[in-house]
């Protein structure tokens, strides 16, 4: 059975929120919310979350290790003179063109040393950034906690600046764990890759779902 034939978890949360406020969605509204919610929770969004959130460190972004990156570190990086820098090198270079992880031996040692010199961060900052990346893997089965790091209010203001609408609008959109995780990953990945978030289709889908809920609320107020 296709996903569209099921009630999406995000749509169910939105419907529950409306009903808690005494608003009973019509069948047509439920169908619309379900379709929009599946657009948010798309295969692309799930793939996005599986890639992880990049952590900025000096002038580089560190990503959770791919199988390719892990294999290089286990085979080459951990045997170099600075395994910590080698791990950061693998996290930063694994998606780059030119096969930077094809290096081994003296060539790998030289590349990692050059990478470390160019990082523009302290050893402590590097260790913290690596730890933040590794923690994503430890918590891969659960949404990121909203209690640490950027607050919901700060995150909503940030989303408004990069993706449009108002902080108040995004405040309501950041309440669900999955939604917050997707938006956080989208904006951080776009920032790391130099892309604008305002036209990202995943954020447009989330904005469309939020606006559909707002229209239902406004229509009931008008009645």
N, C-alpha and C. Protein backbone atom coordinates (compact mmCIF):
# COMPACT_ATOMS: atom_id res chain seq x y z
N UNK A 1 0.84 -1.19 0.00
CA UNK A 1 0.00 0.00 0.00
C UNK A 1 0.87 1.24 0.00
N UNK A 2 0.53 2.22 -0.82
CA UNK A 2 1.32 3.43 -0.92
C UNK A 2 1.15 4.30 0.32
N UNK A 3 2.15 5.16 0.56
CA UNK A 3 2.10 6.05 1.71
C UNK A 3 0.86 6.92 1.71
N UNK A 4 0.47 7.40 0.54
CA UNK A 4 -0.67 8.33 0.46
C UNK A 4 -1.97 7.71 0.94
N UNK A 5 -2.03 6.38 1.00
CA UNK A 5 -3.23 5.71 1.47
C UNK A 5 -3.30 5.65 2.99
N UNK A 6 -2.25 6.14 3.67
CA UNK A 6 -2.20 6.10 5.13
C UNK A 6 -2.26 7.52 5.68
N UNK A 7 -2.68 7.63 6.93
CA UNK A 7 -2.66 8.93 7.60
C UNK A 7 -1.24 9.21 8.06
N UNK A 8 -0.66 10.27 7.54
CA UNK A 8 0.70 10.65 7.89
C UNK A 8 0.78 11.10 9.34
N UNK A 9 1.89 10.78 10.01
CA UNK A 9 2.04 11.16 11.41
C UNK A 9 2.01 12.65 11.64
N UNK A 10 2.61 13.42 10.72
CA UNK A 10 2.57 14.87 10.85
C UNK A 10 1.15 15.39 10.69
N UNK A 11 0.43 14.83 9.71
CA UNK A 11 -0.96 15.25 9.51
C UNK A 11 -1.80 14.91 10.74
N UNK A 12 -1.57 13.73 11.31
CA UNK A 12 -2.31 13.34 12.51
C UNK A 12 -2.04 14.31 13.66
N UNK A 13 -0.78 14.74 13.80
CA UNK A 13 -0.44 15.69 14.86
C UNK A 13 -1.13 17.03 14.62
N UNK A 14 -1.18 17.47 13.36
CA UNK A 14 -1.85 18.73 13.05
C UNK A 14 -3.35 18.63 13.32
N UNK A 15 -3.94 17.52 12.93
CA UNK A 15 -5.38 17.32 13.15
C UNK A 15 -5.69 17.26 14.65
N UNK A 16 -4.85 16.56 15.40
CA UNK A 16 -5.03 16.50 16.85
C UNK A 16 -4.94 17.90 17.46
N UNK A 17 -4.01 18.71 16.95
CA UNK A 17 -3.87 20.07 17.46
C UNK A 17 -5.09 20.92 17.18
N UNK A 18 -5.64 20.77 15.98
CA UNK A 18 -6.85 21.51 15.64
C UNK A 18 -8.02 21.07 16.51
N UNK A 19 -8.18 19.76 16.69
CA UNK A 19 -9.29 19.25 17.48
C UNK A 19 -9.16 19.64 18.95
N UNK A 20 -7.91 19.73 19.43
CA UNK A 20 -7.72 20.18 20.81
C UNK A 20 -8.19 21.61 21.01
N UNK A 21 -8.19 22.38 19.92
CA UNK A 21 -8.68 23.76 19.98
C UNK A 21 -10.15 23.86 19.59
N UNK A 22 -10.82 22.72 19.48
CA UNK A 22 -12.24 22.72 19.17
C UNK A 22 -12.56 22.86 17.69
N UNK A 23 -11.56 22.65 16.83
CA UNK A 23 -11.76 22.77 15.38
C UNK A 23 -11.79 21.37 14.78
N UNK A 24 -12.91 21.01 14.17
CA UNK A 24 -13.06 19.69 13.55
C UNK A 24 -12.83 19.82 12.05
N UNK A 25 -11.71 19.31 11.51
CA UNK A 25 -11.47 19.41 10.08
C UNK A 25 -12.49 18.61 9.28
N UNK A 26 -12.82 19.12 8.12
CA UNK A 26 -13.72 18.40 7.22
C UNK A 26 -12.94 17.27 6.54
N UNK A 27 -13.65 16.29 5.95
CA UNK A 27 -12.93 15.23 5.22
C UNK A 27 -12.00 15.79 4.15
N UNK A 28 -12.45 16.82 3.42
CA UNK A 28 -11.61 17.41 2.38
C UNK A 28 -10.35 18.04 2.98
N UNK A 29 -10.51 18.68 4.13
CA UNK A 29 -9.35 19.30 4.79
C UNK A 29 -8.38 18.24 5.29
N UNK A 30 -8.90 17.13 5.79
CA UNK A 30 -8.04 16.04 6.25
C UNK A 30 -7.24 15.46 5.10
N UNK A 31 -7.90 15.27 3.94
CA UNK A 31 -7.21 14.75 2.76
C UNK A 31 -6.09 15.70 2.33
N UNK A 32 -6.39 17.02 2.35
CA UNK A 32 -5.39 18.01 1.95
C UNK A 32 -4.21 18.01 2.91
N UNK A 33 -4.49 18.01 4.22
CA UNK A 33 -3.42 18.01 5.20
C UNK A 33 -2.56 16.75 5.07
N UNK A 34 -3.19 15.62 4.81
CA UNK A 34 -2.44 14.37 4.68
C UNK A 34 -1.51 14.42 3.47
N UNK A 35 -2.02 14.95 2.34
CA UNK A 35 -1.19 15.04 1.13
C UNK A 35 -0.01 15.99 1.35
N UNK A 36 -0.27 17.12 1.99
CA UNK A 36 0.79 18.09 2.24
C UNK A 36 1.82 17.53 3.23
N UNK A 37 1.35 16.78 4.22
CA UNK A 37 2.27 16.20 5.20
C UNK A 37 3.17 15.17 4.55
N UNK A 38 2.63 14.36 3.62
CA UNK A 38 3.48 13.39 2.94
C UNK A 38 4.51 14.09 2.06
N UNK A 39 4.17 15.30 1.54
CA UNK A 39 5.14 16.06 0.76
C UNK A 39 6.31 16.51 1.62
N UNK A 40 6.01 16.81 2.90
CA UNK A 40 7.07 17.18 3.84
C UNK A 40 7.92 15.96 4.18
N UNK A 41 7.26 14.88 4.55
CA UNK A 41 7.96 13.66 4.96
C UNK A 41 8.21 12.79 3.73
N UNK A 42 8.94 13.35 2.79
CA UNK A 42 9.19 12.69 1.52
C UNK A 42 10.41 11.78 1.60
N UNK A 43 10.58 10.91 0.60
CA UNK A 43 11.81 10.11 0.58
C UNK A 43 13.06 10.99 0.58
N UNK A 44 12.98 12.17 -0.08
CA UNK A 44 14.13 13.07 -0.09
C UNK A 44 14.44 13.58 1.31
N UNK A 45 13.38 13.88 2.08
CA UNK A 45 13.60 14.35 3.45
C UNK A 45 14.18 13.25 4.32
N UNK A 46 13.71 12.03 4.13
CA UNK A 46 14.26 10.92 4.91
C UNK A 46 15.71 10.65 4.53
N UNK A 47 16.03 10.79 3.24
CA UNK A 47 17.41 10.65 2.81
C UNK A 47 18.26 11.76 3.39
N UNK A 48 17.70 12.96 3.43
CA UNK A 48 18.40 14.10 4.00
C UNK A 48 18.78 13.85 5.45
N UNK A 49 17.82 13.35 6.23
CA UNK A 49 18.10 13.07 7.64
C UNK A 49 19.15 11.98 7.78
N UNK A 50 19.13 11.01 6.88
CA UNK A 50 20.10 9.92 6.98
C UNK A 50 21.51 10.41 6.71
N UNK A 51 21.65 11.50 5.95
CA UNK A 51 22.97 12.04 5.67
C UNK A 51 23.54 12.75 6.90
N UNK A 52 22.66 13.28 7.74
CA UNK A 52 23.12 13.92 8.96
C UNK A 52 23.26 15.42 8.84
N UNK A 53 23.62 16.05 9.95
CA UNK A 53 23.74 17.50 10.02
C UNK A 53 25.22 17.88 10.07
N UNK A 54 25.66 18.76 9.17
CA UNK A 54 27.07 19.15 9.18
C UNK A 54 27.37 20.08 10.34
N UNK A 55 28.53 19.91 10.94
CA UNK A 55 28.99 20.75 12.04
C UNK A 55 30.14 21.62 11.56
N UNK A 56 30.00 22.93 11.71
CA UNK A 56 31.04 23.85 11.27
C UNK A 56 32.23 23.79 12.23
N UNK A 57 33.41 23.74 11.66
CA UNK A 57 34.65 23.70 12.47
C UNK A 57 35.71 24.49 11.74
N UNK A 58 36.01 25.67 12.24
CA UNK A 58 36.96 26.52 11.53
C UNK A 58 36.41 26.89 10.17
N UNK A 59 37.15 26.52 9.13
CA UNK A 59 36.71 26.83 7.77
C UNK A 59 36.16 25.59 7.05
N UNK A 60 35.86 24.54 7.80
CA UNK A 60 35.37 23.30 7.20
C UNK A 60 34.06 22.87 7.86
N UNK A 61 33.33 21.98 7.18
CA UNK A 61 32.13 21.36 7.74
C UNK A 61 32.37 19.86 7.87
N UNK A 62 32.09 19.34 9.05
CA UNK A 62 32.27 17.92 9.31
C UNK A 62 30.92 17.22 9.22
N UNK A 63 30.86 16.10 8.48
CA UNK A 63 29.64 15.33 8.29
C UNK A 63 29.79 13.96 8.97
N UNK A 64 28.66 13.36 9.40
CA UNK A 64 28.74 11.98 9.88
C UNK A 64 29.38 11.08 8.81
N UNK A 65 30.18 10.14 9.25
CA UNK A 65 30.93 9.31 8.32
C UNK A 65 30.02 8.42 7.47
N UNK A 66 30.30 8.41 6.17
CA UNK A 66 29.68 7.44 5.29
C UNK A 66 30.43 6.11 5.44
N UNK A 67 29.93 5.06 4.81
CA UNK A 67 30.66 3.79 4.81
C UNK A 67 32.03 3.97 4.17
N UNK A 68 32.08 4.78 3.14
CA UNK A 68 33.34 5.07 2.45
C UNK A 68 34.31 5.79 3.38
N UNK A 69 33.81 6.80 4.08
CA UNK A 69 34.66 7.54 5.00
C UNK A 69 35.13 6.68 6.16
N UNK A 70 34.24 5.85 6.69
CA UNK A 70 34.60 4.97 7.81
C UNK A 70 35.65 3.95 7.38
N UNK A 71 35.49 3.41 6.18
CA UNK A 71 36.45 2.42 5.69
C UNK A 71 37.84 3.03 5.55
N UNK A 72 37.90 4.28 5.02
CA UNK A 72 39.20 4.94 4.87
C UNK A 72 39.84 5.20 6.23
N UNK A 73 39.04 5.66 7.19
CA UNK A 73 39.60 5.95 8.51
C UNK A 73 40.11 4.68 9.18
N UNK A 74 39.32 3.59 9.09
CA UNK A 74 39.73 2.33 9.72
C UNK A 74 40.99 1.76 9.07
N UNK A 75 41.11 1.96 7.77
CA UNK A 75 42.23 1.36 7.03
C UNK A 75 43.46 2.25 7.04
N UNK A 76 43.26 3.57 6.95
CA UNK A 76 44.38 4.50 6.78
C UNK A 76 44.46 5.52 7.90
N UNK A 77 43.36 6.24 8.13
CA UNK A 77 43.38 7.40 9.00
C UNK A 77 43.80 7.13 10.43
N UNK A 78 43.30 6.03 11.00
CA UNK A 78 43.61 5.74 12.41
C UNK A 78 45.08 5.37 12.62
N UNK A 79 45.80 5.10 11.54
CA UNK A 79 47.22 4.72 11.65
C UNK A 79 48.16 5.90 11.40
N UNK A 80 47.60 7.08 11.09
CA UNK A 80 48.43 8.24 10.84
C UNK A 80 48.89 8.85 12.16
N UNK A 81 49.81 9.81 12.08
CA UNK A 81 50.39 10.39 13.30
C UNK A 81 49.38 11.18 14.12
N UNK A 82 48.33 11.71 13.48
CA UNK A 82 47.28 12.46 14.18
C UNK A 82 45.92 11.89 13.81
N UNK A 83 45.48 10.82 14.48
CA UNK A 83 44.21 10.19 14.12
C UNK A 83 43.00 11.12 14.25
N UNK A 84 43.06 12.06 15.21
CA UNK A 84 41.94 12.99 15.37
C UNK A 84 41.79 13.87 14.14
N UNK A 85 42.89 14.42 13.67
CA UNK A 85 42.85 15.23 12.46
C UNK A 85 42.44 14.38 11.25
N UNK A 86 42.87 13.12 11.24
CA UNK A 86 42.50 12.22 10.14
C UNK A 86 41.00 11.96 10.13
N UNK A 87 40.43 11.81 11.33
CA UNK A 87 38.98 11.59 11.42
C UNK A 87 38.24 12.83 10.91
N UNK A 88 38.68 14.00 11.32
CA UNK A 88 38.06 15.24 10.84
C UNK A 88 38.22 15.36 9.32
N UNK A 89 39.39 14.99 8.82
CA UNK A 89 39.65 15.02 7.37
C UNK A 89 38.65 14.13 6.63
N UNK A 90 38.43 12.93 7.14
CA UNK A 90 37.47 12.02 6.50
C UNK A 90 36.06 12.60 6.54
N UNK A 91 35.68 13.18 7.68
CA UNK A 91 34.35 13.77 7.82
C UNK A 91 34.15 14.94 6.86
N UNK A 92 35.21 15.70 6.63
CA UNK A 92 35.11 16.89 5.79
C UNK A 92 35.24 16.59 4.30
N UNK A 93 36.01 15.58 3.96
CA UNK A 93 36.37 15.35 2.55
C UNK A 93 35.61 14.23 1.87
N UNK A 94 34.81 13.46 2.59
CA UNK A 94 34.23 12.25 2.01
C UNK A 94 33.27 12.50 0.85
N UNK A 95 32.70 13.71 0.76
CA UNK A 95 31.79 14.02 -0.34
C UNK A 95 32.47 14.81 -1.46
N UNK A 96 33.75 15.15 -1.28
CA UNK A 96 34.45 15.98 -2.26
C UNK A 96 34.78 15.19 -3.53
N UNK A 97 34.85 15.93 -4.64
CA UNK A 97 35.31 15.33 -5.89
C UNK A 97 36.83 15.16 -5.83
N UNK A 98 37.35 14.34 -6.71
CA UNK A 98 38.79 14.17 -6.78
C UNK A 98 39.33 13.06 -5.91
N UNK A 99 38.47 12.28 -5.28
CA UNK A 99 38.87 11.12 -4.48
C UNK A 99 39.93 11.45 -3.42
N UNK A 100 39.67 12.44 -2.53
CA UNK A 100 40.66 12.74 -1.49
C UNK A 100 40.87 11.59 -0.52
N UNK A 101 39.91 10.66 -0.43
CA UNK A 101 40.08 9.52 0.46
C UNK A 101 40.71 8.32 -0.24
N UNK A 102 41.19 8.54 -1.44
CA UNK A 102 41.92 7.47 -2.13
C UNK A 102 43.38 7.44 -1.69
N UNK A 103 43.78 8.47 -0.93
CA UNK A 103 45.18 8.57 -0.50
C UNK A 103 45.48 7.60 0.63
N UNK A 104 46.72 7.13 0.69
CA UNK A 104 47.19 6.36 1.83
C UNK A 104 48.68 6.63 2.03
N UNK A 105 49.24 6.06 3.07
CA UNK A 105 50.66 6.21 3.32
C UNK A 105 51.11 7.65 3.48
N UNK A 106 52.26 7.99 2.89
CA UNK A 106 52.84 9.33 3.01
C UNK A 106 51.94 10.40 2.41
N UNK A 107 51.26 10.07 1.32
CA UNK A 107 50.37 11.04 0.68
C UNK A 107 49.21 11.41 1.61
N UNK A 108 48.65 10.41 2.29
CA UNK A 108 47.57 10.67 3.24
C UNK A 108 48.07 11.49 4.42
N UNK A 109 49.26 11.16 4.92
CA UNK A 109 49.84 11.91 6.04
C UNK A 109 50.01 13.38 5.67
N UNK A 110 50.52 13.63 4.49
CA UNK A 110 50.74 15.00 4.03
C UNK A 110 49.41 15.74 3.87
N UNK A 111 48.39 15.08 3.31
CA UNK A 111 47.09 15.72 3.09
C UNK A 111 46.42 16.06 4.41
N UNK A 112 46.48 15.16 5.39
CA UNK A 112 45.86 15.40 6.68
C UNK A 112 46.56 16.55 7.42
N UNK A 113 47.89 16.60 7.34
CA UNK A 113 48.62 17.69 7.99
C UNK A 113 48.26 19.04 7.36
N UNK A 114 48.14 19.07 6.06
CA UNK A 114 47.76 20.31 5.38
C UNK A 114 46.35 20.72 5.75
N UNK A 115 45.46 19.74 5.85
CA UNK A 115 44.08 20.01 6.25
C UNK A 115 44.03 20.59 7.67
N UNK A 116 44.79 19.99 8.58
CA UNK A 116 44.81 20.45 9.96
C UNK A 116 45.33 21.87 10.09
N UNK A 117 46.38 22.20 9.32
CA UNK A 117 46.95 23.56 9.37
C UNK A 117 45.96 24.60 8.85
N UNK A 118 45.10 24.20 7.91
CA UNK A 118 44.18 25.15 7.29
C UNK A 118 42.86 25.30 8.04
N UNK A 119 42.65 24.53 9.10
CA UNK A 119 41.34 24.51 9.76
C UNK A 119 40.97 25.81 10.46
N UNK A 120 41.94 26.52 11.00
CA UNK A 120 41.70 27.78 11.72
C UNK A 120 40.82 27.55 12.95
N UNK A 121 41.14 26.56 13.72
CA UNK A 121 40.42 26.33 14.98
C UNK A 121 41.39 25.71 15.98
N UNK A 122 41.03 25.74 17.24
CA UNK A 122 41.88 25.14 18.26
C UNK A 122 41.64 23.63 18.31
N UNK A 123 42.53 22.94 19.00
CA UNK A 123 42.36 21.50 19.18
C UNK A 123 41.07 21.22 19.95
N UNK A 124 40.79 22.03 20.95
CA UNK A 124 39.57 21.85 21.74
C UNK A 124 38.33 22.02 20.87
N UNK A 125 38.33 23.03 20.00
CA UNK A 125 37.19 23.25 19.12
C UNK A 125 37.01 22.08 18.15
N UNK A 126 38.12 21.55 17.67
CA UNK A 126 38.05 20.40 16.77
C UNK A 126 37.47 19.19 17.48
N UNK A 127 37.90 18.94 18.71
CA UNK A 127 37.38 17.80 19.46
C UNK A 127 35.88 17.94 19.73
N UNK A 128 35.44 19.15 20.05
CA UNK A 128 34.01 19.38 20.29
C UNK A 128 33.20 19.13 19.02
N UNK A 129 33.70 19.64 17.90
CA UNK A 129 32.99 19.47 16.63
C UNK A 129 32.88 17.99 16.26
N UNK A 130 33.97 17.24 16.43
CA UNK A 130 33.94 15.81 16.13
C UNK A 130 32.94 15.10 17.05
N UNK A 131 32.93 15.48 18.32
CA UNK A 131 32.00 14.86 19.27
C UNK A 131 30.55 15.12 18.87
N UNK A 132 30.27 16.34 18.40
CA UNK A 132 28.91 16.66 17.97
C UNK A 132 28.48 15.83 16.77
N UNK A 133 29.42 15.57 15.88
CA UNK A 133 29.11 14.73 14.72
C UNK A 133 28.86 13.29 15.16
N UNK A 134 29.72 12.76 16.03
CA UNK A 134 29.60 11.38 16.48
C UNK A 134 28.31 11.16 17.27
N UNK A 135 27.87 12.17 18.02
CA UNK A 135 26.64 12.05 18.81
C UNK A 135 25.43 11.85 17.91
N UNK A 136 25.47 12.37 16.70
CA UNK A 136 24.35 12.16 15.78
C UNK A 136 24.15 10.68 15.49
N UNK A 137 25.25 9.96 15.36
CA UNK A 137 25.15 8.53 15.10
C UNK A 137 24.62 7.79 16.32
N UNK A 138 24.98 8.24 17.49
CA UNK A 138 24.50 7.59 18.71
C UNK A 138 23.01 7.78 18.89
N UNK A 139 22.47 8.89 18.37
CA UNK A 139 21.06 9.21 18.55
C UNK A 139 20.29 9.12 17.24
N UNK A 140 20.78 8.27 16.32
CA UNK A 140 20.19 8.24 14.99
C UNK A 140 18.74 7.80 14.97
N UNK A 141 18.31 7.03 15.98
CA UNK A 141 16.95 6.50 15.97
C UNK A 141 15.93 7.44 16.60
N UNK A 142 16.37 8.57 17.14
CA UNK A 142 15.44 9.49 17.78
C UNK A 142 15.65 10.90 17.25
N UNK A 143 14.58 11.72 17.24
CA UNK A 143 14.75 13.10 16.78
C UNK A 143 15.69 13.85 17.69
N UNK A 144 16.43 14.84 17.13
CA UNK A 144 17.33 15.64 17.97
C UNK A 144 16.57 16.35 19.07
N UNK A 145 17.17 16.44 20.25
CA UNK A 145 16.53 17.11 21.38
C UNK A 145 16.38 18.59 21.11
N UNK A 146 15.24 19.15 21.50
CA UNK A 146 15.02 20.57 21.32
C UNK A 146 15.48 21.36 22.54
N UNK A 147 16.01 20.68 23.55
CA UNK A 147 16.41 21.37 24.77
C UNK A 147 17.81 21.93 24.70
N UNK A 148 18.62 21.41 23.77
CA UNK A 148 19.99 21.86 23.67
C UNK A 148 20.23 22.66 22.41
N UNK A 149 21.33 23.43 22.37
CA UNK A 149 21.67 24.20 21.20
C UNK A 149 20.73 25.38 21.01
N UNK A 150 20.39 25.66 19.76
CA UNK A 150 19.55 26.80 19.44
C UNK A 150 18.13 26.61 19.98
N UNK A 151 17.60 27.63 20.65
CA UNK A 151 16.24 27.53 21.18
C UNK A 151 15.23 27.57 20.04
N UNK A 152 14.00 27.15 20.33
CA UNK A 152 12.95 27.18 19.31
C UNK A 152 12.73 28.60 18.81
N UNK A 153 12.73 29.57 19.75
CA UNK A 153 12.53 30.96 19.35
C UNK A 153 13.63 31.45 18.43
N UNK A 154 14.89 31.14 18.78
CA UNK A 154 16.01 31.55 17.94
C UNK A 154 15.96 30.85 16.58
N UNK A 155 15.60 29.56 16.61
CA UNK A 155 15.53 28.80 15.37
C UNK A 155 14.43 29.33 14.46
N UNK A 156 13.28 29.70 15.06
CA UNK A 156 12.18 30.25 14.28
C UNK A 156 12.57 31.57 13.63
N UNK A 157 13.28 32.42 14.37
CA UNK A 157 13.74 33.68 13.82
C UNK A 157 14.74 33.45 12.68
N UNK A 158 15.61 32.43 12.87
CA UNK A 158 16.58 32.10 11.83
C UNK A 158 15.88 31.61 10.56
N UNK A 159 14.88 30.74 10.73
CA UNK A 159 14.14 30.24 9.57
C UNK A 159 13.43 31.36 8.84
N UNK A 160 12.85 32.30 9.59
CA UNK A 160 12.17 33.43 8.96
C UNK A 160 13.14 34.23 8.10
N UNK A 161 14.38 34.36 8.56
CA UNK A 161 15.36 35.16 7.83
C UNK A 161 15.84 34.46 6.56
N UNK A 162 15.90 33.13 6.57
CA UNK A 162 16.46 32.42 5.42
C UNK A 162 15.39 31.81 4.51
N UNK A 163 14.17 31.63 5.03
CA UNK A 163 13.14 30.93 4.26
C UNK A 163 11.84 31.71 4.12
N UNK A 164 11.79 32.93 4.66
CA UNK A 164 10.58 33.73 4.53
C UNK A 164 9.56 33.46 5.62
N UNK A 165 8.39 34.10 5.52
CA UNK A 165 7.33 34.07 6.52
C UNK A 165 7.81 34.78 7.80
N UNK A 166 7.12 34.57 8.90
CA UNK A 166 7.43 35.27 10.14
C UNK A 166 7.96 34.30 11.18
N UNK A 167 8.68 34.79 12.20
CA UNK A 167 9.11 33.90 13.29
C UNK A 167 7.94 33.21 13.96
N UNK A 168 6.82 33.92 14.09
CA UNK A 168 5.64 33.32 14.74
C UNK A 168 5.14 32.14 13.94
N UNK A 169 5.15 32.25 12.61
CA UNK A 169 4.72 31.14 11.76
C UNK A 169 5.62 29.93 11.98
N UNK A 170 6.94 30.14 11.93
CA UNK A 170 7.86 29.01 12.07
C UNK A 170 7.87 28.47 13.49
N UNK A 171 7.53 29.31 14.46
CA UNK A 171 7.44 28.82 15.84
C UNK A 171 6.43 27.68 15.92
N UNK A 172 5.33 27.83 15.22
CA UNK A 172 4.30 26.78 15.23
C UNK A 172 4.75 25.58 14.42
N UNK A 173 5.61 25.80 13.41
CA UNK A 173 6.02 24.70 12.56
C UNK A 173 7.15 23.88 13.19
N UNK A 174 7.78 24.40 14.24
CA UNK A 174 8.95 23.71 14.83
C UNK A 174 8.58 22.86 16.03
N UNK A 175 7.31 22.66 16.30
CA UNK A 175 6.92 21.95 17.51
C UNK A 175 7.12 20.45 17.40
N UNK A 176 6.94 19.89 16.21
CA UNK A 176 7.07 18.44 16.04
C UNK A 176 8.53 18.06 15.85
N UNK A 177 8.95 16.98 16.50
CA UNK A 177 10.34 16.57 16.45
C UNK A 177 10.84 16.32 15.04
N UNK A 178 10.05 15.60 14.23
CA UNK A 178 10.49 15.29 12.87
C UNK A 178 10.61 16.56 12.05
N UNK A 179 9.61 17.44 12.17
CA UNK A 179 9.63 18.69 11.42
C UNK A 179 10.85 19.52 11.78
N UNK A 180 11.11 19.63 13.07
CA UNK A 180 12.26 20.40 13.52
C UNK A 180 13.55 19.79 12.99
N UNK A 181 13.64 18.47 13.01
CA UNK A 181 14.85 17.80 12.54
C UNK A 181 15.07 18.04 11.05
N UNK A 182 13.98 17.96 10.26
CA UNK A 182 14.10 18.18 8.82
C UNK A 182 14.54 19.61 8.52
N UNK A 183 13.85 20.57 9.14
CA UNK A 183 14.18 21.97 8.88
C UNK A 183 15.59 22.30 9.32
N UNK A 184 16.00 21.76 10.46
CA UNK A 184 17.35 22.00 10.96
C UNK A 184 18.38 21.44 9.98
N UNK A 185 18.15 20.20 9.54
CA UNK A 185 19.07 19.57 8.60
C UNK A 185 19.11 20.32 7.27
N UNK A 186 17.95 20.73 6.77
CA UNK A 186 17.90 21.45 5.50
C UNK A 186 18.71 22.73 5.56
N UNK A 187 18.46 23.54 6.57
CA UNK A 187 19.12 24.84 6.64
C UNK A 187 20.62 24.69 6.89
N UNK A 188 21.01 23.75 7.75
CA UNK A 188 22.44 23.57 8.00
C UNK A 188 23.16 23.01 6.78
N UNK A 189 22.52 22.07 6.08
CA UNK A 189 23.15 21.51 4.89
C UNK A 189 23.24 22.55 3.78
N UNK A 190 22.18 23.34 3.61
CA UNK A 190 22.22 24.39 2.60
C UNK A 190 23.31 25.41 2.91
N UNK A 191 23.45 25.75 4.19
CA UNK A 191 24.50 26.69 4.59
C UNK A 191 25.87 26.12 4.29
N UNK A 192 26.07 24.85 4.63
CA UNK A 192 27.37 24.22 4.40
C UNK A 192 27.70 24.14 2.92
N UNK A 193 26.68 23.98 2.08
CA UNK A 193 26.90 23.81 0.65
C UNK A 193 26.67 25.09 -0.14
N UNK A 194 26.45 26.21 0.56
CA UNK A 194 26.32 27.50 -0.10
C UNK A 194 25.05 27.67 -0.90
N UNK A 195 23.98 26.97 -0.52
CA UNK A 195 22.71 27.09 -1.24
C UNK A 195 21.73 27.91 -0.41
N UNK A 196 20.84 28.62 -1.10
CA UNK A 196 19.79 29.38 -0.42
C UNK A 196 18.70 28.44 0.06
N UNK A 197 18.16 28.70 1.25
CA UNK A 197 17.09 27.86 1.79
C UNK A 197 15.70 28.34 1.37
N UNK A 198 15.60 29.61 0.93
CA UNK A 198 14.28 30.18 0.66
C UNK A 198 13.52 29.44 -0.43
N UNK A 199 14.24 28.85 -1.40
CA UNK A 199 13.57 28.15 -2.49
C UNK A 199 13.66 26.64 -2.38
N UNK A 200 14.16 26.13 -1.24
CA UNK A 200 14.30 24.68 -1.08
C UNK A 200 12.91 24.03 -1.09
N UNK A 201 12.68 23.01 -1.93
CA UNK A 201 11.35 22.41 -2.03
C UNK A 201 10.86 21.78 -0.73
N UNK A 202 11.79 21.33 0.12
CA UNK A 202 11.37 20.73 1.38
C UNK A 202 10.83 21.78 2.33
N UNK A 203 11.45 22.96 2.33
CA UNK A 203 10.95 24.05 3.17
C UNK A 203 9.65 24.59 2.59
N UNK A 204 9.55 24.66 1.27
CA UNK A 204 8.29 25.11 0.65
C UNK A 204 7.15 24.17 1.02
N UNK A 205 7.44 22.86 1.06
CA UNK A 205 6.40 21.90 1.43
C UNK A 205 5.96 22.09 2.88
N UNK A 206 6.93 22.34 3.77
CA UNK A 206 6.60 22.57 5.17
C UNK A 206 5.80 23.87 5.34
N UNK A 207 6.16 24.89 4.57
CA UNK A 207 5.44 26.16 4.64
C UNK A 207 4.01 25.99 4.13
N UNK A 208 3.85 25.18 3.08
CA UNK A 208 2.51 24.93 2.53
C UNK A 208 1.62 24.21 3.55
N UNK A 209 2.21 23.22 4.26
CA UNK A 209 1.43 22.51 5.29
C UNK A 209 1.02 23.47 6.39
N UNK A 210 1.95 24.31 6.84
CA UNK A 210 1.64 25.26 7.89
C UNK A 210 0.56 26.25 7.48
N UNK A 211 0.62 26.70 6.22
CA UNK A 211 -0.38 27.66 5.75
C UNK A 211 -1.76 27.00 5.63
N UNK A 212 -1.79 25.73 5.24
CA UNK A 212 -3.07 25.02 5.16
C UNK A 212 -3.73 24.95 6.54
N UNK A 213 -2.92 24.67 7.57
CA UNK A 213 -3.46 24.63 8.93
C UNK A 213 -3.96 26.02 9.35
N UNK A 214 -3.20 27.05 9.02
CA UNK A 214 -3.61 28.42 9.36
C UNK A 214 -4.92 28.79 8.67
N UNK A 215 -5.07 28.38 7.42
CA UNK A 215 -6.31 28.70 6.70
C UNK A 215 -7.51 28.04 7.35
N UNK A 216 -7.33 26.81 7.85
CA UNK A 216 -8.43 26.14 8.55
C UNK A 216 -8.80 26.91 9.81
N UNK A 217 -7.78 27.32 10.56
CA UNK A 217 -8.04 28.09 11.78
C UNK A 217 -8.75 29.41 11.46
N UNK A 218 -8.27 30.09 10.44
CA UNK A 218 -8.87 31.38 10.08
C UNK A 218 -10.30 31.23 9.60
N UNK A 219 -10.57 30.14 8.86
CA UNK A 219 -11.93 29.93 8.37
C UNK A 219 -12.91 29.69 9.50
N UNK A 220 -12.45 29.03 10.58
CA UNK A 220 -13.33 28.79 11.71
C UNK A 220 -13.57 30.07 12.51
N UNK A 221 -12.53 30.91 12.57
CA UNK A 221 -12.71 32.19 13.25
C UNK A 221 -13.72 33.05 12.52
N UNK A 222 -13.69 33.00 11.19
CA UNK A 222 -14.62 33.80 10.39
C UNK A 222 -16.06 33.35 10.58
N UNK A 223 -16.21 32.06 10.87
CA UNK A 223 -17.56 31.53 11.09
C UNK A 223 -18.11 31.96 12.44
